[in-house]
Amino acid sequence: MRCNLSELEFYGYDSVGDDSRLYQLTQIPTVTIHTENAADIVDKNVYLKGKVSIISENGTNIYTGDLEIRGRGNASWTFPKKPYRMKLAKKAKLLDAPAKAKNWTLINITVIKL
């Protein structure tokens, strides 16, 4: 992966703010996935290489690691919110799961308003 950065400028004052945690918009963990060359995940059989970051516990816990990711599911693959299968490079215990694992599934969630 490659990132071109021409200029980075920070604003603010020394000692203002809290850099002991990362920003989270909600209490729901934030998962970011970056694939090589920003490729879209469009296949259920072909894994793409990339990196994943998971921010949780109000921004105080972060996991970052290499992964391979692909689509998954049958009927659910046709939904607007897609399910994915991640294979981490190393076993990890994510989001207080009871065990370490290399294979993880991100399931699509449908919100129904009553």
PDB file of N, CA and C in Angstrom:
ATOM      1  N   MET A   1       0.832  -1.170   0.000  1.00  0.00           N
ATOM      2  CA  MET A   1       0.000   0.000   0.000  1.00  0.00           C
ATOM      3  C   MET A   1       0.877   1.234   0.000  1.00  0.00           C
ATOM      4  N   ARG A   2       0.324   2.307  -0.509  1.00  0.00           N
ATOM      5  CA  ARG A   2       1.108   3.521  -0.596  1.00  0.00           C
ATOM      6  C   ARG A   2       0.213   4.717  -0.304  1.00  0.00           C
ATOM      7  N   CYS A   3       0.778   5.699   0.340  1.00  0.00           N
ATOM      8  CA  CYS A   3       0.036   6.916   0.665  1.00  0.00           C
ATOM      9  C   CYS A   3       0.911   8.107   0.329  1.00  0.00           C
ATOM     10  N   ASN A   4       0.426   8.976  -0.507  1.00  0.00           N
ATOM     11  CA  ASN A   4       1.160  10.190  -0.844  1.00  0.00           C
ATOM     12  C   ASN A   4       0.620  11.335  -0.004  1.00  0.00           C
ATOM     13  N   LEU A   5       1.503  11.989   0.706  1.00  0.00           N
ATOM     14  CA  LEU A   5       1.108  13.086   1.567  1.00  0.00           C
ATOM     15  C   LEU A   5       2.029  14.254   1.265  1.00  0.00           C
ATOM     16  N   SER A   6       1.467  15.322   0.778  1.00  0.00           N
ATOM     17  CA  SER A   6       2.316  16.442   0.404  1.00  0.00           C
ATOM     18  C   SER A   6       2.530  17.417   1.557  1.00  0.00           C
ATOM     19  N   GLU A   7       1.508  17.613   2.390  1.00  0.00           N
ATOM     20  CA  GLU A   7       1.648  18.567   3.484  1.00  0.00           C
ATOM     21  C   GLU A   7       0.663  18.208   4.575  1.00  0.00           C
ATOM     22  N   LEU A   8       1.108  18.299   5.809  1.00  0.00           N
ATOM     23  CA  LEU A   8       0.262  18.014   6.947  1.00  0.00           C
ATOM     24  C   LEU A   8       0.436  19.148   7.938  1.00  0.00           C
ATOM     25  N   GLU A   9      -0.671  19.777   8.318  1.00  0.00           N
ATOM     26  CA  GLU A   9      -0.596  20.916   9.227  1.00  0.00           C
ATOM     27  C   GLU A   9      -1.602  20.711  10.342  1.00  0.00           C
ATOM     28  N   PHE A  10      -1.166  20.898  11.584  1.00  0.00           N
ATOM     29  CA  PHE A  10      -2.022  20.745  12.743  1.00  0.00           C
ATOM     30  C   PHE A  10      -2.385  22.113  13.296  1.00  0.00           C
ATOM     31  N   TYR A  11      -3.614  22.244  13.768  1.00  0.00           N
ATOM     32  CA  TYR A  11      -4.081  23.492  14.350  1.00  0.00           C
ATOM     33  C   TYR A  11      -4.441  23.253  15.810  1.00  0.00           C
ATOM     34  N   GLY A  12      -4.372  24.286  16.605  1.00  0.00           N
ATOM     35  CA  GLY A  12      -4.732  24.177  18.004  1.00  0.00           C
ATOM     36  C   GLY A  12      -3.636  24.730  18.886  1.00  0.00           C
ATOM     37  N   TYR A  13      -3.726  24.401  20.147  1.00  0.00           N
ATOM     38  CA  TYR A  13      -2.781  24.903  21.131  1.00  0.00           C
ATOM     39  C   TYR A  13      -2.181  23.726  21.888  1.00  0.00           C
ATOM     40  N   ASP A  14      -0.944  23.880  22.317  1.00  0.00           N
ATOM     41  CA  ASP A  14      -0.315  22.857  23.136  1.00  0.00           C
ATOM     42  C   ASP A  14      -1.148  22.605  24.379  1.00  0.00           C
ATOM     43  N   SER A  15      -1.230  21.329  24.767  1.00  0.00           N
ATOM     44  CA  SER A  15      -1.923  20.894  25.982  1.00  0.00           C
ATOM     45  C   SER A  15      -3.432  21.049  25.911  1.00  0.00           C
ATOM     46  N   VAL A  16      -4.003  21.286  24.750  1.00  0.00           N
ATOM     47  CA  VAL A  16      -5.453  21.351  24.619  1.00  0.00           C
ATOM     48  C   VAL A  16      -5.918  20.073  23.948  1.00  0.00           C
ATOM     49  N   GLY A  17      -6.930  19.434  24.508  1.00  0.00           N
ATOM     50  CA  GLY A  17      -7.456  18.210  23.916  1.00  0.00           C
ATOM     51  C   GLY A  17      -6.958  16.984  24.654  1.00  0.00           C
ATOM     52  N   ASP A  18      -7.455  15.851  24.225  1.00  0.00           N
ATOM     53  CA  ASP A  18      -7.130  14.579  24.859  1.00  0.00           C
ATOM     54  C   ASP A  18      -6.665  13.620  23.787  1.00  0.00           C
ATOM     55  N   ASP A  19      -5.355  13.354  23.738  1.00  0.00           N
ATOM     56  CA  ASP A  19      -4.844  12.443  22.723  1.00  0.00           C
ATOM     57  C   ASP A  19      -4.632  11.032  23.280  1.00  0.00           C
ATOM     58  N   SER A  20      -5.253  10.720  24.420  1.00  0.00           N
ATOM     59  CA  SER A  20      -5.133   9.389  24.996  1.00  0.00           C
ATOM     60  C   SER A  20      -6.134   8.410  24.395  1.00  0.00           C
ATOM     61  N   ARG A  21      -7.012   8.894  23.534  1.00  0.00           N
ATOM     62  CA  ARG A  21      -8.016   8.034  22.920  1.00  0.00           C
ATOM     63  C   ARG A  21      -8.287   8.502  21.499  1.00  0.00           C
ATOM     64  N   LEU A  22      -8.816   7.617  20.694  1.00  0.00           N
ATOM     65  CA  LEU A  22      -9.215   7.951  19.337  1.00  0.00           C
ATOM     66  C   LEU A  22     -10.683   8.311  19.324  1.00  0.00           C
ATOM     67  N   TYR A  23     -11.079   9.156  18.401  1.00  0.00           N
ATOM     68  CA  TYR A  23     -12.458   9.623  18.328  1.00  0.00           C
ATOM     69  C   TYR A  23     -13.382   8.518  17.839  1.00  0.00           C
ATOM     70  N   GLN A  24     -14.519   8.366  18.500  1.00  0.00           N
ATOM     71  CA  GLN A  24     -15.583   7.461  18.075  1.00  0.00           C
ATOM     72  C   GLN A  24     -16.879   8.250  18.045  1.00  0.00           C
ATOM     73  N   LEU A  25     -17.592   8.149  16.931  1.00  0.00           N
ATOM     74  CA  LEU A  25     -18.850   8.873  16.774  1.00  0.00           C
ATOM     75  C   LEU A  25     -19.936   8.301  17.673  1.00  0.00           C
ATOM     76  N   THR A  26     -19.956   6.967  17.834  1.00  0.00           N
ATOM     77  CA  THR A  26     -20.953   6.300  18.672  1.00  0.00           C
ATOM     78  C   THR A  26     -20.240   5.310  19.581  1.00  0.00           C
ATOM     79  N   GLN A  27     -20.993   4.627  20.414  1.00  0.00           N
ATOM     80  CA  GLN A  27     -20.442   3.576  21.280  1.00  0.00           C
ATOM     81  C   GLN A  27     -20.227   2.271  20.513  1.00  0.00           C
ATOM     82  N   ILE A  28     -20.689   2.208  19.274  1.00  0.00           N
ATOM     83  CA  ILE A  28     -20.499   1.023  18.442  1.00  0.00           C
ATOM     84  C   ILE A  28     -19.052   1.021  17.954  1.00  0.00           C
ATOM     85  N   PRO A  29     -18.357  -0.127  18.026  1.00  0.00           N
ATOM     86  CA  PRO A  29     -16.974  -0.163  17.530  1.00  0.00           C
ATOM     87  C   PRO A  29     -16.882   0.296  16.077  1.00  0.00           C
ATOM     88  N   THR A  30     -15.808   0.982  15.764  1.00  0.00           N
ATOM     89  CA  THR A  30     -15.557   1.485  14.414  1.00  0.00           C
ATOM     90  C   THR A  30     -14.566   0.557  13.732  1.00  0.00           C
ATOM     91  N   VAL A  31     -14.964   0.007  12.574  1.00  0.00           N
ATOM     92  CA  VAL A  31     -14.111  -0.899  11.814  1.00  0.00           C
ATOM     93  C   VAL A  31     -13.778  -0.215  10.491  1.00  0.00           C
ATOM     94  N   THR A  32     -12.486  -0.062  10.210  1.00  0.00           N
ATOM     95  CA  THR A  32     -12.065   0.479   8.919  1.00  0.00           C
ATOM     96  C   THR A  32     -11.217  -0.573   8.217  1.00  0.00           C
ATOM     97  N   ILE A  33     -11.491  -0.744   6.936  1.00  0.00           N
ATOM     98  CA  ILE A  33     -10.760  -1.719   6.126  1.00  0.00           C
ATOM     99  C   ILE A  33     -10.207  -0.990   4.922  1.00  0.00           C
ATOM    100  N   HIS A  34      -8.907  -1.149   4.702  1.00  0.00           N
ATOM    101  CA  HIS A  34      -8.238  -0.552   3.549  1.00  0.00           C
ATOM    102  C   HIS A  34      -7.655  -1.682   2.716  1.00  0.00           C
ATOM    103  N   THR A  35      -8.148  -1.852   1.498  1.00  0.00           N
ATOM    104  CA  THR A  35      -7.627  -2.890   0.612  1.00  0.00           C
ATOM    105  C   THR A  35      -6.506  -2.303  -0.242  1.00  0.00           C
ATOM    106  N   GLU A  36      -5.637  -3.181  -0.755  1.00  0.00           N
ATOM    107  CA  GLU A  36      -4.558  -2.725  -1.629  1.00  0.00           C
ATOM    108  C   GLU A  36      -5.140  -2.025  -2.841  1.00  0.00           C
ATOM    109  N   ASN A  37      -4.563  -0.909  -3.195  1.00  0.00           N
ATOM    110  CA  ASN A  37      -5.001  -0.089  -4.336  1.00  0.00           C
ATOM    111  C   ASN A  37      -6.460   0.341  -4.211  1.00  0.00           C
ATOM    112  N   ALA A  38      -6.991   0.368  -2.992  1.00  0.00           N
ATOM    113  CA  ALA A  38      -8.377   0.772  -2.719  1.00  0.00           C
ATOM    114  C   ALA A  38      -9.371  -0.031  -3.551  1.00  0.00           C
ATOM    115  N   ALA A  39      -9.070  -1.304  -3.767  1.00  0.00           N
ATOM    116  CA  ALA A  39      -9.939  -2.166  -4.574  1.00  0.00           C
ATOM    117  C   ALA A  39     -11.248  -2.445  -3.842  1.00  0.00           C
ATOM    118  N   ASP A  40     -12.352  -2.439  -4.594  1.00  0.00           N
ATOM    119  CA  ASP A  40     -13.656  -2.784  -4.034  1.00  0.00           C
ATOM    120  C   ASP A  40     -13.741  -4.290  -3.833  1.00  0.00           C
ATOM    121  N   ILE A  41     -14.425  -4.696  -2.780  1.00  0.00           N
ATOM    122  CA  ILE A  41     -14.637  -6.120  -2.506  1.00  0.00           C
ATOM    123  C   ILE A  41     -15.915  -6.513  -3.244  1.00  0.00           C
ATOM    124  N   VAL A  42     -15.751  -7.183  -4.366  1.00  0.00           N
ATOM    125  CA  VAL A  42     -16.899  -7.473  -5.235  1.00  0.00           C
ATOM    126  C   VAL A  42     -17.071  -8.964  -5.503  1.00  0.00           C
ATOM    127  N   ASP A  43     -16.272  -9.799  -4.855  1.00  0.00           N
ATOM    128  CA  ASP A  43     -16.301 -11.221  -5.156  1.00  0.00           C
ATOM    129  C   ASP A  43     -16.370 -12.035  -3.871  1.00  0.00           C
ATOM    130  N   LYS A  44     -17.072 -13.167  -3.922  1.00  0.00           N
ATOM    131  CA  LYS A  44     -17.170 -14.050  -2.766  1.00  0.00           C
ATOM    132  C   LYS A  44     -16.080 -15.118  -2.761  1.00  0.00           C
ATOM    133  N   ASN A  45     -15.293 -15.218  -3.823  1.00  0.00           N
ATOM    134  CA  ASN A  45     -14.270 -16.265  -3.917  1.00  0.00           C
ATOM    135  C   ASN A  45     -12.846 -15.735  -3.884  1.00  0.00           C
ATOM    136  N   VAL A  46     -12.634 -14.499  -4.287  1.00  0.00           N
ATOM    137  CA  VAL A  46     -11.291 -13.927  -4.387  1.00  0.00           C
ATOM    138  C   VAL A  46     -11.007 -13.047  -3.168  1.00  0.00           C
ATOM    139  N   TYR A  47      -9.946 -13.407  -2.442  1.00  0.00           N
ATOM    140  CA  TYR A  47      -9.528 -12.606  -1.299  1.00  0.00           C
ATOM    141  C   TYR A  47      -8.688 -11.424  -1.765  1.00  0.00           C
ATOM    142  N   LEU A  48      -8.901 -10.269  -1.144  1.00  0.00           N
ATOM    143  CA  LEU A  48      -8.080  -9.086  -1.372  1.00  0.00           C
ATOM    144  C   LEU A  48      -7.247  -8.839  -0.121  1.00  0.00           C
ATOM    145  N   LYS A  49      -6.005  -8.422  -0.302  1.00  0.00           N
ATOM    146  CA  LYS A  49      -5.146  -8.100   0.832  1.00  0.00           C
ATOM    147  C   LYS A  49      -5.423  -6.678   1.296  1.00  0.00           C
ATOM    148  N   GLY A  50      -5.214  -6.448   2.585  1.00  0.00           N
ATOM    149  CA  GLY A  50      -5.424  -5.113   3.113  1.00  0.00           C
ATOM    150  C   GLY A  50      -5.063  -5.021   4.579  1.00  0.00           C
ATOM    151  N   LYS A  51      -5.567  -3.983   5.213  1.00  0.00           N
ATOM    152  CA  LYS A  51      -5.349  -3.729   6.636  1.00  0.00           C
ATOM    153  C   LYS A  51      -6.691  -3.417   7.276  1.00  0.00           C
ATOM    154  N   VAL A  52      -6.828  -3.795   8.523  1.00  0.00           N
ATOM    155  CA  VAL A  52      -8.043  -3.513   9.277  1.00  0.00           C
ATOM    156  C   VAL A  52      -7.655  -2.807  10.575  1.00  0.00           C
ATOM    157  N   SER A  53      -8.504  -1.860  10.973  1.00  0.00           N
ATOM    158  CA  SER A  53      -8.379  -1.199  12.274  1.00  0.00           C
ATOM    159  C   SER A  53      -9.738  -1.254  12.945  1.00  0.00           C
ATOM    160  N   ILE A  54      -9.737  -1.589  14.221  1.00  0.00           N
ATOM    161  CA  ILE A  54     -10.980  -1.639  14.994  1.00  0.00           C
ATOM    162  C   ILE A  54     -10.780  -0.778  16.230  1.00  0.00           C
ATOM    163  N   ILE A  55     -11.596   0.256  16.343  1.00  0.00           N
ATOM    164  CA  ILE A  55     -11.533   1.172  17.482  1.00  0.00           C
ATOM    165  C   ILE A  55     -12.736   0.880  18.368  1.00  0.00           C
ATOM    166  N   SER A  56     -12.483   0.631  19.656  1.00  0.00           N
ATOM    167  CA  SER A  56     -13.575   0.303  20.571  1.00  0.00           C
ATOM    168  C   SER A  56     -13.292   0.886  21.950  1.00  0.00           C
ATOM    169  N   GLU A  57     -14.195   0.589  22.863  1.00  0.00           N
ATOM    170  CA  GLU A  57     -14.086   1.029  24.262  1.00  0.00           C
ATOM    171  C   GLU A  57     -13.897   2.540  24.364  1.00  0.00           C
ATOM    172  N   ASN A  58     -14.786   3.261  23.687  1.00  0.00           N
ATOM    173  CA  ASN A  58     -14.788   4.717  23.700  1.00  0.00           C
ATOM    174  C   ASN A  58     -13.463   5.300  23.215  1.00  0.00           C
ATOM    175  N   GLY A  59     -12.857   4.614  22.231  1.00  0.00           N
ATOM    176  CA  GLY A  59     -11.640   5.120  21.619  1.00  0.00           C
ATOM    177  C   GLY A  59     -10.358   4.771  22.335  1.00  0.00           C
ATOM    178  N   THR A  60     -10.428   3.996  23.422  1.00  0.00           N
ATOM    179  CA  THR A  60      -9.225   3.670  24.185  1.00  0.00           C
ATOM    180  C   THR A  60      -8.575   2.362  23.752  1.00  0.00           C
ATOM    181  N   ASN A  61      -9.265   1.551  22.945  1.00  0.00           N
ATOM    182  CA  ASN A  61      -8.721   0.278  22.497  1.00  0.00           C
ATOM    183  C   ASN A  61      -8.697   0.262  20.975  1.00  0.00           C
ATOM    184  N   ILE A  62      -7.536  -0.074  20.394  1.00  0.00           N
ATOM    185  CA  ILE A  62      -7.438  -0.146  18.942  1.00  0.00           C
ATOM    186  C   ILE A  62      -6.691  -1.411  18.555  1.00  0.00           C
ATOM    187  N   TYR A  63      -7.235  -2.106  17.571  1.00  0.00           N
ATOM    188  CA  TYR A  63      -6.556  -3.247  16.973  1.00  0.00           C
ATOM    189  C   TYR A  63      -6.240  -2.863  15.529  1.00  0.00           C
ATOM    190  N   THR A  64      -5.025  -3.136  15.083  1.00  0.00           N
ATOM    191  CA  THR A  64      -4.639  -2.913  13.695  1.00  0.00           C
ATOM    192  C   THR A  64      -3.858  -4.126  13.232  1.00  0.00           C
ATOM    193  N   GLY A  65      -4.191  -4.627  12.032  1.00  0.00           N
ATOM    194  CA  GLY A  65      -3.467  -5.781  11.521  1.00  0.00           C
ATOM    195  C   GLY A  65      -3.700  -6.002  10.040  1.00  0.00           C
ATOM    196  N   ASP A  66      -2.886  -6.881   9.464  1.00  0.00           N
ATOM    197  CA  ASP A  66      -3.037  -7.268   8.060  1.00  0.00           C
ATOM    198  C   ASP A  66      -4.167  -8.269   7.939  1.00  0.00           C
ATOM    199  N   LEU A  67      -4.803  -8.268   6.772  1.00  0.00           N
ATOM    200  CA  LEU A  67      -5.897  -9.199   6.541  1.00  0.00           C
ATOM    201  C   LEU A  67      -6.024  -9.544   5.068  1.00  0.00           C
ATOM    202  N   GLU A  68      -6.825 -10.558   4.826  1.00  0.00           N
ATOM    203  CA  GLU A  68      -7.349 -10.865   3.501  1.00  0.00           C
ATOM    204  C   GLU A  68      -8.855 -10.867   3.679  1.00  0.00           C
ATOM    205  N   ILE A  69      -9.584 -10.306   2.725  1.00  0.00           N
ATOM    206  CA  ILE A  69     -11.032 -10.166   2.869  1.00  0.00           C
ATOM    207  C   ILE A  69     -11.734 -10.497   1.565  1.00  0.00           C
ATOM    208  N   ARG A  70     -12.919 -11.093   1.693  1.00  0.00           N
ATOM    209  CA  ARG A  70     -13.751 -11.397   0.538  1.00  0.00           C
ATOM    210  C   ARG A  70     -15.208 -11.288   0.961  1.00  0.00           C
ATOM    211  N   GLY A  71     -16.100 -11.309  -0.023  1.00  0.00           N
ATOM    212  CA  GLY A  71     -17.522 -11.341   0.273  1.00  0.00           C
ATOM    213  C   GLY A  71     -17.911 -12.716   0.773  1.00  0.00           C
ATOM    214  N   ARG A  72     -19.104 -12.830   1.344  1.00  0.00           N
ATOM    215  CA  ARG A  72     -19.601 -14.126   1.793  1.00  0.00           C
ATOM    216  C   ARG A  72     -21.116 -14.112   1.703  1.00  0.00           C
ATOM    217  N   GLY A  73     -21.710 -15.283   1.877  1.00  0.00           N
ATOM    218  CA  GLY A  73     -23.158 -15.400   1.874  1.00  0.00           C
ATOM    219  C   GLY A  73     -23.703 -15.774   0.508  1.00  0.00           C
ATOM    220  N   ASN A  74     -24.974 -16.081   0.485  1.00  0.00           N
ATOM    221  CA  ASN A  74     -25.652 -16.385  -0.765  1.00  0.00           C
ATOM    222  C   ASN A  74     -26.700 -15.304  -1.021  1.00  0.00           C
ATOM    223  N   ALA A  75     -27.876 -15.465  -0.444  1.00  0.00           N
ATOM    224  CA  ALA A  75     -28.913 -14.448  -0.623  1.00  0.00           C
ATOM    225  C   ALA A  75     -28.471 -13.113  -0.027  1.00  0.00           C
ATOM    226  N   SER A  76     -27.761 -13.153   1.116  1.00  0.00           N
ATOM    227  CA  SER A  76     -27.351 -11.911   1.776  1.00  0.00           C
ATOM    228  C   SER A  76     -26.337 -11.123   0.938  1.00  0.00           C
ATOM    229  N   TRP A  77     -25.630 -11.787   0.021  1.00  0.00           N
ATOM    230  CA  TRP A  77     -24.676 -11.088  -0.840  1.00  0.00           C
ATOM    231  C   TRP A  77     -25.402 -10.145  -1.800  1.00  0.00           C
ATOM    232  N   THR A  78     -26.678 -10.362  -2.033  1.00  0.00           N
ATOM    233  CA  THR A  78     -27.447  -9.489  -2.931  1.00  0.00           C
ATOM    234  C   THR A  78     -28.002  -8.263  -2.205  1.00  0.00           C
ATOM    235  N   PHE A  79     -27.900  -8.212  -0.883  1.00  0.00           N
ATOM    236  CA  PHE A  79     -28.428  -7.089  -0.115  1.00  0.00           C
ATOM    237  C   PHE A  79     -27.527  -5.861  -0.271  1.00  0.00           C
ATOM    238  N   PRO A  80     -28.074  -4.660  -0.039  1.00  0.00           N
ATOM    239  CA  PRO A  80     -27.256  -3.437  -0.122  1.00  0.00           C
ATOM    240  C   PRO A  80     -26.091  -3.434   0.877  1.00  0.00           C
ATOM    241  N   LYS A  81     -26.308  -3.948   2.083  1.00  0.00           N
ATOM    242  CA  LYS A  81     -25.240  -4.055   3.080  1.00  0.00           C
ATOM    243  C   LYS A  81     -24.683  -5.468   2.977  1.00  0.00           C
ATOM    244  N   LYS A  82     -23.440  -5.574   2.601  1.00  0.00           N
ATOM    245  CA  LYS A  82     -22.818  -6.864   2.299  1.00  0.00           C
ATOM    246  C   LYS A  82     -22.174  -7.508   3.533  1.00  0.00           C
ATOM    247  N   PRO A  83     -22.163  -8.849   3.585  1.00  0.00           N
ATOM    248  CA  PRO A  83     -21.388  -9.558   4.606  1.00  0.00           C
ATOM    249  C   PRO A  83     -20.001  -9.890   4.052  1.00  0.00           C
ATOM    250  N   TYR A  84     -19.002  -9.953   4.942  1.00  0.00           N
ATOM    251  CA  TYR A  84     -17.628 -10.198   4.518  1.00  0.00           C
ATOM    252  C   TYR A  84     -16.968 -11.233   5.412  1.00  0.00           C
ATOM    253  N   ARG A  85     -15.957 -11.904   4.863  1.00  0.00           N
ATOM    254  CA  ARG A  85     -15.131 -12.817   5.636  1.00  0.00           C
ATOM    255  C   ARG A  85     -13.718 -12.259   5.664  1.00  0.00           C
ATOM    256  N   MET A  86     -13.177 -12.126   6.875  1.00  0.00           N
ATOM    257  CA  MET A  86     -11.816 -11.619   7.056  1.00  0.00           C
ATOM    258  C   MET A  86     -10.927 -12.748   7.552  1.00  0.00           C
ATOM    259  N   LYS A  87      -9.732 -12.836   6.990  1.00  0.00           N
ATOM    260  CA  LYS A  87      -8.697 -13.722   7.509  1.00  0.00           C
ATOM    261  C   LYS A  87      -7.554 -12.830   7.965  1.00  0.00           C
ATOM    262  N   LEU A  88      -7.320 -12.800   9.270  1.00  0.00           N
ATOM    263  CA  LEU A  88      -6.239 -11.998   9.823  1.00  0.00           C
ATOM    264  C   LEU A  88      -4.909 -12.720   9.622  1.00  0.00           C
ATOM    265  N   ALA A  89      -3.838 -11.975   9.585  1.00  0.00           N
ATOM    266  CA  ALA A  89      -2.507 -12.559   9.437  1.00  0.00           C
ATOM    267  C   ALA A  89      -2.111 -13.342  10.692  1.00  0.00           C
ATOM    268  N   LYS A  90      -2.572 -12.881  11.858  1.00  0.00           N
ATOM    269  CA  LYS A  90      -2.276 -13.541  13.134  1.00  0.00           C
ATOM    270  C   LYS A  90      -3.562 -13.659  13.933  1.00  0.00           C
ATOM    271  N   LYS A  91      -3.652 -14.685  14.761  1.00  0.00           N
ATOM    272  CA  LYS A  91      -4.815 -14.828  15.633  1.00  0.00           C
ATOM    273  C   LYS A  91      -4.934 -13.611  16.531  1.00  0.00           C
ATOM    274  N   ALA A  92      -6.169 -13.173  16.746  1.00  0.00           N
ATOM    275  CA  ALA A  92      -6.404 -12.014  17.606  1.00  0.00           C
ATOM    276  C   ALA A  92      -7.719 -12.186  18.356  1.00  0.00           C
ATOM    277  N   LYS A  93      -7.760 -11.623  19.534  1.00  0.00           N
ATOM    278  CA  LYS A  93      -8.986 -11.585  20.335  1.00  0.00           C
ATOM    279  C   LYS A  93      -9.594 -10.209  20.114  1.00  0.00           C
ATOM    280  N   LEU A  94     -10.675 -10.150  19.365  1.00  0.00           N
ATOM    281  CA  LEU A  94     -11.289  -8.874  19.004  1.00  0.00           C
ATOM    282  C   LEU A  94     -12.551  -8.605  19.814  1.00  0.00           C
ATOM    283  N   LEU A  95     -12.729  -7.381  20.234  1.00  0.00           N
ATOM    284  CA  LEU A  95     -13.957  -6.912  20.882  1.00  0.00           C
ATOM    285  C   LEU A  95     -14.411  -7.816  22.022  1.00  0.00           C
ATOM    286  N   ASP A  96     -13.481  -8.186  22.872  1.00  0.00           N
ATOM    287  CA  ASP A  96     -13.769  -9.030  24.045  1.00  0.00           C
ATOM    288  C   ASP A  96     -14.340 -10.390  23.698  1.00  0.00           C
ATOM    289  N   ALA A  97     -14.056 -10.906  22.516  1.00  0.00           N
ATOM    290  CA  ALA A  97     -14.481 -12.255  22.149  1.00  0.00           C
ATOM    291  C   ALA A  97     -13.804 -13.243  23.102  1.00  0.00           C
ATOM    292  N   PRO A  98     -14.426 -14.389  23.361  1.00  0.00           N
ATOM    293  CA  PRO A  98     -13.847 -15.322  24.329  1.00  0.00           C
ATOM    294  C   PRO A  98     -12.573 -16.029  23.866  1.00  0.00           C
ATOM    295  N   ALA A  99     -12.275 -16.022  22.556  1.00  0.00           N
ATOM    296  CA  ALA A  99     -11.094 -16.739  22.072  1.00  0.00           C
ATOM    297  C   ALA A  99     -10.390 -15.955  20.972  1.00  0.00           C
ATOM    298  N   LYS A 100      -9.119 -16.305  20.742  1.00  0.00           N
ATOM    299  CA  LYS A 100      -8.368 -15.738  19.627  1.00  0.00           C
ATOM    300  C   LYS A 100      -8.711 -16.521  18.368  1.00  0.00           C
ATOM    301  N   ALA A 101      -8.768 -15.821  17.233  1.00  0.00           N
ATOM    302  CA  ALA A 101      -9.044 -16.492  15.958  1.00  0.00           C
ATOM    303  C   ALA A 101      -8.428 -15.689  14.817  1.00  0.00           C
ATOM    304  N   LYS A 102      -8.200 -16.376  13.698  1.00  0.00           N
ATOM    305  CA  LYS A 102      -7.729 -15.712  12.479  1.00  0.00           C
ATOM    306  C   LYS A 102      -8.894 -15.379  11.567  1.00  0.00           C
ATOM    307  N   ASN A 103      -9.954 -16.189  11.601  1.00  0.00           N
ATOM    308  CA  ASN A 103     -11.099 -16.009  10.705  1.00  0.00           C
ATOM    309  C   ASN A 103     -12.245 -15.316  11.431  1.00  0.00           C
ATOM    310  N   TRP A 104     -12.725 -14.223  10.830  1.00  0.00           N
ATOM    311  CA  TRP A 104     -13.817 -13.446  11.405  1.00  0.00           C
ATOM    312  C   TRP A 104     -14.825 -13.124  10.309  1.00  0.00           C
ATOM    313  N   THR A 105     -16.071 -12.978  10.697  1.00  0.00           N
ATOM    314  CA  THR A 105     -17.138 -12.650   9.757  1.00  0.00           C
ATOM    315  C   THR A 105     -17.766 -11.332  10.159  1.00  0.00           C
ATOM    316  N   LEU A 106     -17.938 -10.458   9.181  1.00  0.00           N
ATOM    317  CA  LEU A 106     -18.672  -9.213   9.391  1.00  0.00           C
ATOM    318  C   LEU A 106     -20.037  -9.421   8.749  1.00  0.00           C
ATOM    319  N   ILE A 107     -21.062  -9.466   9.565  1.00  0.00           N
ATOM    320  CA  ILE A 107     -22.418  -9.742   9.080  1.00  0.00           C
ATOM    321  C   ILE A 107     -23.144  -8.437   8.822  1.00  0.00           C
ATOM    322  N   ASN A 108     -23.883  -8.416   7.709  1.00  0.00           N
ATOM    323  CA  ASN A 108     -24.679  -7.241   7.392  1.00  0.00           C
ATOM    324  C   ASN A 108     -25.835  -7.128   8.385  1.00  0.00           C
ATOM    325  N   ILE A 109     -26.199  -5.894   8.702  1.00  0.00           N
ATOM    326  CA  ILE A 109     -27.269  -5.636   9.657  1.00  0.00           C
ATOM    327  C   ILE A 109     -28.365  -4.849   8.944  1.00  0.00           C
ATOM    328  N   THR A 110     -29.584  -5.299   9.105  1.00  0.00           N
ATOM    329  CA  THR A 110     -30.711  -4.591   8.529  1.00  0.00           C
ATOM    330  C   THR A 110     -31.479  -3.921   9.667  1.00  0.00           C
ATOM    331  N   VAL A 111     -31.710  -2.634   9.556  1.00  0.00           N
ATOM    332  CA  VAL A 111     -32.463  -1.897  10.564  1.00  0.00           C
ATOM    333  C   VAL A 111     -33.893  -1.777  10.083  1.00  0.00           C
ATOM    334  N   ILE A 112     -34.817  -2.203  10.928  1.00  0.00           N
ATOM    335  CA  ILE A 112     -36.240  -2.121  10.595  1.00  0.00           C
ATOM    336  C   ILE A 112     -36.881  -1.106  11.536  1.00  0.00           C
ATOM    337  N   LYS A 113     -37.508  -0.083  10.948  1.00  0.00           N
ATOM    338  CA  LYS A 113     -38.207   0.914  11.765  1.00  0.00           C
ATOM    339  C   LYS A 113     -39.669   0.520  11.872  1.00  0.00           C
ATOM    340  N   LEU A 114     -40.161   0.498  13.095  1.00  0.00           N
ATOM    341  CA  LEU A 114     -41.567   0.126  13.326  1.00  0.00           C
ATOM    342  C   LEU A 114     -42.435   1.352  13.453  1.00  0.00           C
TER     343      LEU A 114
END
